[in-house]
């Protein structure tokens, strides 16, 4: 807010008309709020239908539903709070990660360790008020236990089949796990040790092709690395913005909601505001490309459907738009 105030004061005294451009920023915020509002019914309906048909967090769709809706609810958007509360409670049960297997034969600890991506997303998307608590402590413990001895977190489910090098997918999954272990009041030496091992494993040798890698690496570098490197990563991310204002999930591909939502999430956490031209341009892209159902068409992230819209990518992308925009609001 203070950046916007300074911007308006500067424009007031430098413009020939003497008029502040705050109205344009307000219009951008209104557009962002409308985009989010238009998406929420789609997210809630598809999230519930997926849960009923699959009975689990497979493909991580349910975890993204919770992440998006928790943030929307916290920022005053209209969501079904009773349903959301039920979903949150269900999501904290280990049985939700079993993909419909025989529960009597399952080891709860092993299930959570093996589903590190979904466990990390539950932590990242938890209600802001949940800084600590039994389920948070348990999930953090299982996430740490799921780390490979070498320092990485192995990507599971359909993630290894994505249309990018497996090393990049593993790095991205590892960086999300690192981010999921931060921002807690009851930090532990064990968590710090896990983060140090992961940081050492990451190294600096990847030649990335996905916006998701640039986003997670920027966030990780800002949290544990050097500010100078983080600045370079941020500039690299900004340079990959397409002319239409968006980013593709792969940086070489056309803009989509998935890549754009991810990029906005990172820029918001870099303290960008909505008066930044690149942010405004991205929001205009999303506004123009949003479909009547509140979602966006997104090509599949796997090799087998890389050049055609895929339902899971569409759902992920729509959630990421909501998550990214809400970081600004």
Protein backbone atom coordinates (compact mmCIF):
# COMPACT_ATOMS: atom_id res chain seq x y z
CA UNK A 1 0.00 0.00 0.00
CA UNK A 2 2.81 2.42 0.83
CA UNK A 3 4.34 1.81 -2.61
CA UNK A 4 1.06 2.74 -4.23
CA UNK A 5 0.81 5.91 -2.12
CA UNK A 6 4.34 6.97 -3.09
CA UNK A 7 3.56 6.22 -6.73
CA UNK A 8 0.45 8.37 -6.63
CA UNK A 9 2.23 11.26 -4.94
CA UNK A 10 5.00 11.13 -7.54
CA UNK A 11 2.51 11.15 -10.40
CA UNK A 12 0.54 13.97 -8.80
CA UNK A 13 3.48 16.33 -8.91
CA UNK A 14 5.04 15.16 -12.15
CA UNK A 15 1.96 14.87 -14.38
CA UNK A 16 0.78 17.83 -16.45
CA UNK A 17 -2.80 17.00 -15.50
CA UNK A 18 -1.98 16.68 -11.81
CA UNK A 19 -4.12 13.51 -11.60
CA UNK A 20 -3.03 10.37 -9.82
CA UNK A 21 -3.29 7.12 -11.73
CA UNK A 22 -4.58 5.19 -8.73
CA UNK A 23 -7.84 4.65 -10.58
CA UNK A 24 -6.03 2.41 -13.05
CA UNK A 25 -4.64 0.31 -10.21
CA UNK A 26 -8.10 0.06 -8.68
CA UNK A 27 -9.45 -1.08 -12.02
CA UNK A 28 -6.74 -3.74 -12.18
CA UNK A 29 -7.66 -4.92 -8.69
CA UNK A 30 -11.32 -5.05 -9.62
CA UNK A 31 -10.43 -7.13 -12.68
CA UNK A 32 -8.39 -9.50 -10.50
CA UNK A 33 -11.25 -9.88 -8.02
CA UNK A 34 -13.69 -10.60 -10.81
CA UNK A 35 -11.37 -13.23 -12.28
CA UNK A 36 -11.12 -14.95 -8.90
CA UNK A 37 -14.87 -14.75 -8.26
CA UNK A 38 -15.63 -16.23 -11.66
CA UNK A 39 -13.34 -19.19 -10.93
CA UNK A 40 -14.56 -20.22 -7.50
CA UNK A 41 -17.71 -22.12 -8.54
CA UNK A 42 -15.68 -24.13 -11.05
CA UNK A 43 -13.04 -24.96 -8.44
CA UNK A 44 -15.58 -25.99 -5.82
CA UNK A 45 -17.75 -28.05 -8.16
CA UNK A 46 -14.90 -29.86 -9.91
CA UNK A 47 -13.05 -30.36 -6.65
CA UNK A 48 -16.06 -32.03 -5.06
CA UNK A 49 -16.83 -34.19 -8.08
CA UNK A 50 -13.21 -35.37 -8.17
CA UNK A 51 -13.25 -36.23 -4.49
CA UNK A 52 -16.47 -38.22 -4.86
CA UNK A 53 -15.19 -40.18 -7.82
CA UNK A 54 -11.58 -40.76 -6.67
CA UNK A 55 -11.89 -40.61 -2.85
CA UNK A 56 -8.36 -39.34 -2.46
CA UNK A 57 -5.75 -36.65 -3.15
CA UNK A 58 -4.50 -38.40 -6.29
CA UNK A 59 -3.12 -36.03 -8.92
CA UNK A 60 -3.03 -33.48 -6.09
CA UNK A 61 -6.26 -31.89 -7.30
CA UNK A 62 -7.86 -31.92 -3.86
CA UNK A 63 -4.87 -30.25 -2.22
CA UNK A 64 -4.97 -27.41 -4.74
CA UNK A 65 -8.70 -27.05 -4.16
CA UNK A 66 -8.01 -26.46 -0.47
CA UNK A 67 -5.10 -24.10 -1.13
CA UNK A 68 -7.17 -21.88 -3.45
CA UNK A 69 -10.37 -21.93 -1.40
CA UNK A 70 -8.62 -21.35 1.94
CA UNK A 71 -6.98 -18.23 0.56
CA UNK A 72 -10.20 -17.04 -1.08
CA UNK A 73 -12.14 -17.47 2.15
CA UNK A 74 -9.48 -15.61 4.15
CA UNK A 75 -9.70 -12.68 1.74
CA UNK A 76 -13.44 -12.36 1.97
CA UNK A 77 -14.58 -14.14 -1.18
CA UNK A 78 -17.80 -16.10 -1.11
CA UNK A 79 -17.13 -19.81 -0.70
CA UNK A 80 -19.04 -22.64 0.93
CA UNK A 81 -17.32 -22.39 4.32
CA UNK A 82 -19.09 -25.39 5.83
CA UNK A 83 -18.01 -27.54 2.90
CA UNK A 84 -14.50 -26.11 3.03
CA UNK A 85 -14.22 -26.93 6.72
CA UNK A 86 -15.25 -30.50 5.98
CA UNK A 87 -12.72 -30.75 3.15
CA UNK A 88 -9.93 -29.42 5.38
CA UNK A 89 -10.70 -31.95 8.09
CA UNK A 90 -10.83 -34.78 5.58
CA UNK A 91 -7.61 -33.65 3.94
CA UNK A 92 -5.70 -33.99 7.20
CA UNK A 93 -6.47 -37.68 7.49
CA UNK A 94 -3.86 -40.08 6.18
CA UNK A 95 -6.60 -42.19 4.62
CA UNK A 96 -7.16 -39.40 2.06
CA UNK A 97 -3.78 -40.22 0.52
CA UNK A 98 -4.32 -43.93 -0.03
CA UNK A 99 -6.00 -43.87 -3.46
CA UNK A 100 -8.72 -46.28 -2.37
CA UNK A 101 -6.43 -49.11 -1.24
CA UNK A 102 -7.17 -51.58 1.55
CA UNK A 103 -6.64 -49.41 4.63
CA UNK A 104 -5.97 -52.33 6.95
CA UNK A 105 -2.86 -53.20 4.95
CA UNK A 106 -1.52 -49.66 4.87
CA UNK A 107 1.09 -48.07 7.12
CA UNK A 108 -0.14 -44.50 7.79
CA UNK A 109 3.38 -43.13 8.21
CA UNK A 110 4.60 -44.71 4.99
CA UNK A 111 1.58 -43.44 3.06
CA UNK A 112 2.31 -39.82 4.02
CA UNK A 113 6.06 -40.18 3.43
CA UNK A 114 5.44 -41.49 -0.07
CA UNK A 115 2.94 -38.76 -0.92
CA UNK A 116 5.35 -35.92 -0.19
CA UNK A 117 4.04 -33.65 -2.99
CA UNK A 118 0.46 -33.70 -1.71
CA UNK A 119 1.60 -33.46 1.93
CA UNK A 120 3.66 -30.39 1.06
CA UNK A 121 0.72 -28.81 -0.76
CA UNK A 122 -1.49 -29.37 2.28
CA UNK A 123 1.03 -27.49 4.39
CA UNK A 124 1.46 -24.68 1.87
CA UNK A 125 -2.29 -24.29 1.40
CA UNK A 126 -3.31 -24.65 5.03
CA UNK A 127 -5.36 -21.85 6.61
CA UNK A 128 -3.04 -19.06 7.69
CA UNK A 129 -4.24 -19.49 11.28
CA UNK A 130 -2.83 -23.03 11.33
CA UNK A 131 0.72 -22.14 12.31
CA UNK A 132 0.92 -25.16 14.53
CA UNK A 133 -1.18 -28.07 15.68
CA UNK A 134 -1.13 -31.83 15.75
CA UNK A 135 -1.79 -32.36 12.05
CA UNK A 136 0.76 -29.70 11.04
CA UNK A 137 3.45 -31.26 13.21
CA UNK A 138 2.64 -34.73 11.89
CA UNK A 139 2.68 -33.66 8.25
CA UNK A 140 5.96 -31.79 8.67
CA UNK A 141 7.50 -34.84 10.33
CA UNK A 142 6.35 -37.18 7.56
CA UNK A 143 7.54 -34.76 4.89
CA UNK A 144 11.01 -34.67 6.43
CA UNK A 145 11.03 -38.46 6.73
CA UNK A 146 10.16 -38.74 3.04
CA UNK A 147 13.35 -36.96 1.99
CA UNK A 148 15.89 -39.09 0.16
CA UNK A 149 19.27 -39.51 1.84
CA UNK A 150 20.82 -37.54 -1.00
CA UNK A 151 18.70 -34.53 -0.09
CA UNK A 152 15.89 -34.48 -2.67
CA UNK A 153 12.21 -35.37 -2.49
CA UNK A 154 11.18 -37.86 -5.17
CA UNK A 155 8.26 -36.72 -7.31
CA UNK A 156 5.46 -39.26 -7.36
CA UNK A 157 2.24 -39.98 -9.21
CA UNK A 158 2.12 -38.58 -12.72
CA UNK A 159 4.79 -35.95 -12.07
CA UNK A 160 7.74 -38.00 -13.45
CA UNK A 161 5.86 -38.24 -16.77
CA UNK A 162 5.86 -34.49 -17.28
CA UNK A 163 7.20 -32.92 -20.48
CA UNK A 164 10.46 -31.74 -18.97
CA UNK A 165 13.66 -33.44 -17.78
CA UNK A 166 13.15 -35.69 -14.76
CA UNK A 167 15.92 -33.89 -12.92
CA UNK A 168 14.02 -30.61 -13.30
CA UNK A 169 10.80 -32.22 -12.05
CA UNK A 170 12.64 -33.62 -9.03
CA UNK A 171 14.24 -30.24 -8.32
CA UNK A 172 10.90 -28.48 -8.54
CA UNK A 173 9.27 -31.03 -6.25
CA UNK A 174 12.16 -30.66 -3.81
CA UNK A 175 11.88 -26.88 -3.76
CA UNK A 176 8.15 -27.02 -3.05
CA UNK A 177 8.91 -29.36 -0.14
CA UNK A 178 11.49 -26.89 1.16
CA UNK A 179 8.97 -24.06 0.98
CA UNK A 180 6.40 -26.22 2.76
CA UNK A 181 8.79 -26.63 5.71
CA UNK A 182 9.10 -22.90 6.34
CA UNK A 183 7.04 -20.30 8.19
CA UNK A 184 6.31 -22.11 11.45
CA UNK A 185 6.53 -20.92 15.01
CA UNK A 186 7.89 -24.24 16.26
CA UNK A 187 10.84 -24.68 13.90
CA UNK A 188 13.11 -27.62 14.66
CA UNK A 189 16.79 -28.52 14.09
CA UNK A 190 15.61 -31.56 12.15
CA UNK A 191 13.78 -29.34 9.65
CA UNK A 192 16.82 -27.11 9.29
CA UNK A 193 19.02 -30.12 8.62
CA UNK A 194 16.61 -31.33 5.91
CA UNK A 195 16.62 -27.89 4.29
CA UNK A 196 20.42 -27.73 4.28
CA UNK A 197 20.68 -31.16 2.66
CA UNK A 198 18.16 -30.17 0.00
CA UNK A 199 19.91 -26.89 -0.71
CA UNK A 200 23.22 -28.72 -1.17
CA UNK A 201 21.64 -31.29 -3.50
CA UNK A 202 20.04 -28.65 -5.74
CA UNK A 203 23.34 -27.17 -6.85
CA UNK A 204 23.45 -24.80 -9.84
CA UNK A 205 23.66 -27.04 -12.90
CA UNK A 206 20.08 -27.23 -14.20
CA UNK A 207 19.15 -25.74 -17.56
CA UNK A 208 15.42 -25.26 -16.84
CA UNK A 209 12.61 -25.18 -19.38
CA UNK A 210 9.58 -24.65 -17.11
CA UNK A 211 8.22 -21.48 -15.51
CA UNK A 212 7.55 -23.56 -12.40
CA UNK A 213 11.28 -24.14 -11.94
CA UNK A 214 12.07 -20.42 -12.23
CA UNK A 215 9.33 -19.62 -9.73
CA UNK A 216 10.38 -22.17 -7.11
CA UNK A 217 14.08 -21.42 -7.52
CA UNK A 218 13.43 -17.71 -7.04
CA UNK A 219 11.42 -18.36 -3.87
CA UNK A 220 14.04 -20.75 -2.50
CA UNK A 221 16.93 -18.44 -3.32
CA UNK A 222 15.17 -15.52 -1.65
CA UNK A 223 14.53 -17.62 1.45
CA UNK A 224 17.91 -19.33 1.88
CA UNK A 225 20.29 -17.99 -0.73
CA UNK A 226 21.78 -14.71 -1.81
CA UNK A 227 19.74 -11.63 -2.65
CA UNK A 228 21.92 -10.90 -5.67
CA UNK A 229 21.16 -14.33 -7.16
CA UNK A 230 17.49 -13.91 -6.31
CA UNK A 231 17.43 -10.59 -8.19
CA UNK A 232 18.87 -12.28 -11.28
CA UNK A 233 16.33 -15.08 -11.04
CA UNK A 234 13.52 -12.56 -10.77
CA UNK A 235 14.76 -10.71 -13.85
CA UNK A 236 14.98 -13.99 -15.74
CA UNK A 237 11.40 -14.83 -14.80
CA UNK A 238 10.21 -11.40 -15.92
CA UNK A 239 12.09 -11.73 -19.20
CA UNK A 240 10.17 -14.90 -19.98
CA UNK A 241 6.82 -13.10 -20.00
CA UNK A 242 5.21 -13.36 -23.43
CA UNK A 243 3.99 -10.40 -25.46
CA UNK A 244 0.37 -11.15 -24.57
CA UNK A 245 1.20 -10.75 -20.88
CA UNK A 246 1.22 -14.38 -19.82
CA UNK A 247 3.72 -17.15 -19.21
CA UNK A 248 3.55 -20.71 -20.45
CA UNK A 249 4.04 -23.63 -18.08
CA UNK A 250 6.98 -24.34 -20.36
CA UNK A 251 8.77 -21.09 -21.10
CA UNK A 252 9.00 -21.90 -24.82
CA UNK A 253 5.26 -22.43 -25.21
CA UNK A 254 2.34 -20.03 -25.56
CA UNK A 255 0.88 -18.38 -22.49
CA UNK A 256 -1.47 -20.34 -20.26
CA UNK A 257 -3.13 -19.96 -16.88
CA UNK A 258 -0.80 -22.47 -15.22
CA UNK A 259 2.44 -20.62 -15.98
CA UNK A 260 0.87 -17.19 -15.49
CA UNK A 261 -0.61 -18.06 -12.11
CA UNK A 262 2.71 -19.44 -10.93
CA UNK A 263 4.60 -16.34 -12.09
CA UNK A 264 2.12 -14.01 -10.37
CA UNK A 265 2.45 -16.01 -7.15
CA UNK A 266 6.21 -15.46 -7.16
CA UNK A 267 5.98 -11.77 -8.09
CA UNK A 268 3.49 -11.11 -5.32
CA UNK A 269 5.85 -12.71 -2.83
CA UNK A 270 8.58 -10.51 -4.27
CA UNK A 271 6.48 -7.54 -3.10
CA UNK A 272 5.31 -6.55 -6.56
CA UNK A 273 2.04 -4.64 -6.51
CA UNK A 274 -0.78 -4.44 -8.99
CA UNK A 275 0.44 -1.10 -10.31
CA UNK A 276 3.45 -2.86 -11.84
CA UNK A 277 2.99 -2.84 -15.65
CA UNK A 278 4.00 -6.49 -16.01
CA UNK A 279 1.45 -7.54 -13.40
CA UNK A 280 -1.27 -5.47 -15.06
CA UNK A 281 -0.40 -7.02 -18.40
CA UNK A 282 -0.64 -10.52 -16.95
CA UNK A 283 -4.04 -9.80 -15.40
CA UNK A 284 -5.32 -8.48 -18.72
CA UNK A 285 -4.19 -11.70 -20.39
CA UNK A 286 -6.08 -13.77 -17.83
CA UNK A 287 -9.15 -11.59 -18.12
CA UNK A 288 -9.28 -12.00 -21.90
CA UNK A 289 -8.60 -15.74 -21.93
CA UNK A 290 -10.88 -16.88 -19.09
CA UNK A 291 -13.72 -19.09 -20.32
CA UNK A 292 -17.41 -18.87 -19.38
CA UNK A 293 -17.06 -21.68 -16.82
CA UNK A 294 -14.43 -19.62 -14.97
CA UNK A 295 -11.49 -21.78 -16.06
CA UNK A 296 -8.79 -21.65 -18.74
CA UNK A 297 -7.75 -24.21 -21.32
CA UNK A 298 -4.28 -25.53 -20.53
CA UNK A 299 -2.32 -28.09 -22.52
CA UNK A 300 -1.32 -31.22 -20.68
CA UNK A 301 1.88 -31.27 -18.66
CA UNK A 302 2.64 -34.87 -19.61
CA UNK A 303 4.37 -35.99 -22.79
CA UNK A 304 1.38 -38.00 -23.95
CA UNK A 305 -0.93 -34.96 -24.10
CA UNK A 306 1.54 -32.11 -24.31
CA UNK A 307 -0.08 -30.41 -27.31
CA UNK A 308 -3.75 -30.64 -26.37
CA UNK A 309 -5.87 -29.32 -23.50
CA UNK A 310 -6.05 -31.67 -20.52
CA UNK A 311 -8.61 -31.62 -17.72
CA UNK A 312 -6.08 -31.95 -14.89
CA UNK A 313 -3.84 -29.20 -16.31
CA UNK A 314 -6.92 -27.03 -16.75
CA UNK A 315 -7.84 -27.53 -13.11
CA UNK A 316 -4.31 -26.96 -11.82
CA UNK A 317 -3.96 -23.84 -13.96
CA UNK A 318 -7.24 -22.36 -12.75
CA UNK A 319 -6.28 -22.96 -9.12
CA UNK A 320 -2.88 -21.38 -9.68
CA UNK A 321 -4.48 -18.25 -11.12
CA UNK A 322 -6.61 -17.91 -8.00
CA UNK A 323 -3.70 -18.65 -5.66
CA UNK A 324 -1.42 -16.22 -7.50
CA UNK A 325 -3.89 -13.35 -7.68
CA UNK A 326 -4.94 -13.72 -4.06
CA UNK A 327 -1.33 -13.12 -2.99
CA UNK A 328 -1.78 -9.54 -4.23
CA UNK A 329 -5.13 -8.93 -2.56
